[in-house]
């Protein structure tokens, strides 16, 4: 399963672990993803999305329908 938020498009990025001696080794930064069910009143059904914490806040602010429409336009959702 991919680690990509279906609302914001956040995904894994890479960077470095930096030790005290400044030696650098590669590492990955993962988004804070949660699997969550949302109710869509227009369609009278629930959907399950994998969303980041920022995506959940965005849905709370703008509503699930508006967020899904925007995510589909940007290509984050099918």
C-alpha atoms as a PDB file:
ATOM      1  CA  UNK A   1       0.000   0.000   0.000  1.00  0.00           C
ATOM      2  CA  UNK A   2       1.308   3.404  -0.914  1.00  0.00           C
ATOM      3  CA  UNK A   3       1.948   6.006   1.748  1.00  0.00           C
ATOM      4  CA  UNK A   4       0.166   8.882  -0.003  1.00  0.00           C
ATOM      5  CA  UNK A   5      -2.610  11.081   1.395  1.00  0.00           C
ATOM      6  CA  UNK A   6      -5.685  10.916  -0.835  1.00  0.00           C
ATOM      7  CA  UNK A   7      -6.715  14.508  -0.007  1.00  0.00           C
ATOM      8  CA  UNK A   8      -3.481  16.535   0.143  1.00  0.00           C
ATOM      9  CA  UNK A   9      -1.150  14.323  -1.897  1.00  0.00           C
ATOM     10  CA  UNK A  10       1.489  14.233   0.842  1.00  0.00           C
ATOM     11  CA  UNK A  11       3.911  11.342   0.392  1.00  0.00           C
ATOM     12  CA  UNK A  12       7.217   9.970   1.635  1.00  0.00           C
ATOM     13  CA  UNK A  13      10.215  12.284   1.217  1.00  0.00           C
ATOM     14  CA  UNK A  14      13.878  11.514   1.789  1.00  0.00           C
ATOM     15  CA  UNK A  15      16.570  13.270   3.751  1.00  0.00           C
ATOM     16  CA  UNK A  16      19.555  12.595   5.963  1.00  0.00           C
ATOM     17  CA  UNK A  17      20.190  11.387   9.479  1.00  0.00           C
ATOM     18  CA  UNK A  18      22.963  13.664  10.748  1.00  0.00           C
ATOM     19  CA  UNK A  19      25.091  12.309  13.586  1.00  0.00           C
ATOM     20  CA  UNK A  20      27.108  14.350  16.081  1.00  0.00           C
ATOM     21  CA  UNK A  21      30.163  13.917  13.829  1.00  0.00           C
ATOM     22  CA  UNK A  22      28.077  15.244  10.890  1.00  0.00           C
ATOM     23  CA  UNK A  23      28.184  11.887   9.076  1.00  0.00           C
ATOM     24  CA  UNK A  24      25.087  11.670   6.886  1.00  0.00           C
ATOM     25  CA  UNK A  25      23.062   8.553   6.139  1.00  0.00           C
ATOM     26  CA  UNK A  26      19.870   8.494   4.108  1.00  0.00           C
ATOM     27  CA  UNK A  27      16.464   8.243   5.787  1.00  0.00           C
ATOM     28  CA  UNK A  28      12.782   8.585   4.926  1.00  0.00           C
ATOM     29  CA  UNK A  29      10.203  10.998   6.339  1.00  0.00           C
ATOM     30  CA  UNK A  30       6.716   9.467   6.387  1.00  0.00           C
ATOM     31  CA  UNK A  31       3.457  11.456   6.369  1.00  0.00           C
ATOM     32  CA  UNK A  32       1.138  11.086   9.370  1.00  0.00           C
ATOM     33  CA  UNK A  33      -1.471   8.907   7.623  1.00  0.00           C
ATOM     34  CA  UNK A  34      -4.674   7.614   9.181  1.00  0.00           C
ATOM     35  CA  UNK A  35      -7.307   5.326   7.672  1.00  0.00           C
ATOM     36  CA  UNK A  36     -10.628   7.042   8.339  1.00  0.00           C
ATOM     37  CA  UNK A  37     -14.265   6.663   7.301  1.00  0.00           C
ATOM     38  CA  UNK A  38     -16.179   9.739   6.138  1.00  0.00           C
ATOM     39  CA  UNK A  39     -19.922  10.111   5.564  1.00  0.00           C
ATOM     40  CA  UNK A  40     -21.037  11.729   2.301  1.00  0.00           C
ATOM     41  CA  UNK A  41     -24.607  13.009   2.825  1.00  0.00           C
ATOM     42  CA  UNK A  42     -25.174  13.755  -0.889  1.00  0.00           C
ATOM     43  CA  UNK A  43     -24.642  10.083  -1.777  1.00  0.00           C
ATOM     44  CA  UNK A  44     -25.886   8.754   1.600  1.00  0.00           C
ATOM     45  CA  UNK A  45     -22.857   6.468   2.030  1.00  0.00           C
ATOM     46  CA  UNK A  46     -19.546   6.117   3.836  1.00  0.00           C
ATOM     47  CA  UNK A  47     -16.144   6.047   2.162  1.00  0.00           C
ATOM     48  CA  UNK A  48     -12.804   5.009   3.619  1.00  0.00           C
ATOM     49  CA  UNK A  49      -9.840   7.255   2.870  1.00  0.00           C
ATOM     50  CA  UNK A  50      -6.173   7.202   3.803  1.00  0.00           C
ATOM     51  CA  UNK A  51      -5.609  10.808   4.889  1.00  0.00           C
ATOM     52  CA  UNK A  52      -2.915  12.766   6.685  1.00  0.00           C
ATOM     53  CA  UNK A  53      -3.601  14.757   9.833  1.00  0.00           C
ATOM     54  CA  UNK A  54      -3.507  17.913   7.689  1.00  0.00           C
ATOM     55  CA  UNK A  55      -6.030  16.305   5.338  1.00  0.00           C
ATOM     56  CA  UNK A  56      -8.411  15.617   8.243  1.00  0.00           C
ATOM     57  CA  UNK A  57      -8.190  19.268   9.325  1.00  0.00           C
ATOM     58  CA  UNK A  58      -8.815  20.364   5.751  1.00  0.00           C
ATOM     59  CA  UNK A  59     -11.931  18.146   5.556  1.00  0.00           C
ATOM     60  CA  UNK A  60     -13.192  19.552   8.880  1.00  0.00           C
ATOM     61  CA  UNK A  61     -12.770  23.090   7.531  1.00  0.00           C
ATOM     62  CA  UNK A  62     -14.037  22.771   3.931  1.00  0.00           C
ATOM     63  CA  UNK A  63     -16.221  19.650   4.000  1.00  0.00           C
ATOM     64  CA  UNK A  64     -15.684  16.207   2.499  1.00  0.00           C
ATOM     65  CA  UNK A  65     -17.423  16.923  -0.821  1.00  0.00           C
ATOM     66  CA  UNK A  66     -15.345  20.023  -1.604  1.00  0.00           C
ATOM     67  CA  UNK A  67     -12.102  18.281  -0.596  1.00  0.00           C
ATOM     68  CA  UNK A  68     -12.861  15.211  -2.716  1.00  0.00           C
ATOM     69  CA  UNK A  69     -13.678  17.390  -5.731  1.00  0.00           C
ATOM     70  CA  UNK A  70     -10.400  19.304  -5.373  1.00  0.00           C
ATOM     71  CA  UNK A  71      -8.384  16.099  -4.852  1.00  0.00           C
ATOM     72  CA  UNK A  72      -9.874  14.544  -8.007  1.00  0.00           C
ATOM     73  CA  UNK A  73      -9.003  17.679 -10.019  1.00  0.00           C
ATOM     74  CA  UNK A  74      -5.404  17.530  -8.789  1.00  0.00           C
ATOM     75  CA  UNK A  75      -5.186  13.779  -9.429  1.00  0.00           C
ATOM     76  CA  UNK A  76      -4.765  12.604  -5.819  1.00  0.00           C
ATOM     77  CA  UNK A  77      -7.976  10.516  -5.961  1.00  0.00           C
ATOM     78  CA  UNK A  78      -9.502   8.330  -8.648  1.00  0.00           C
END
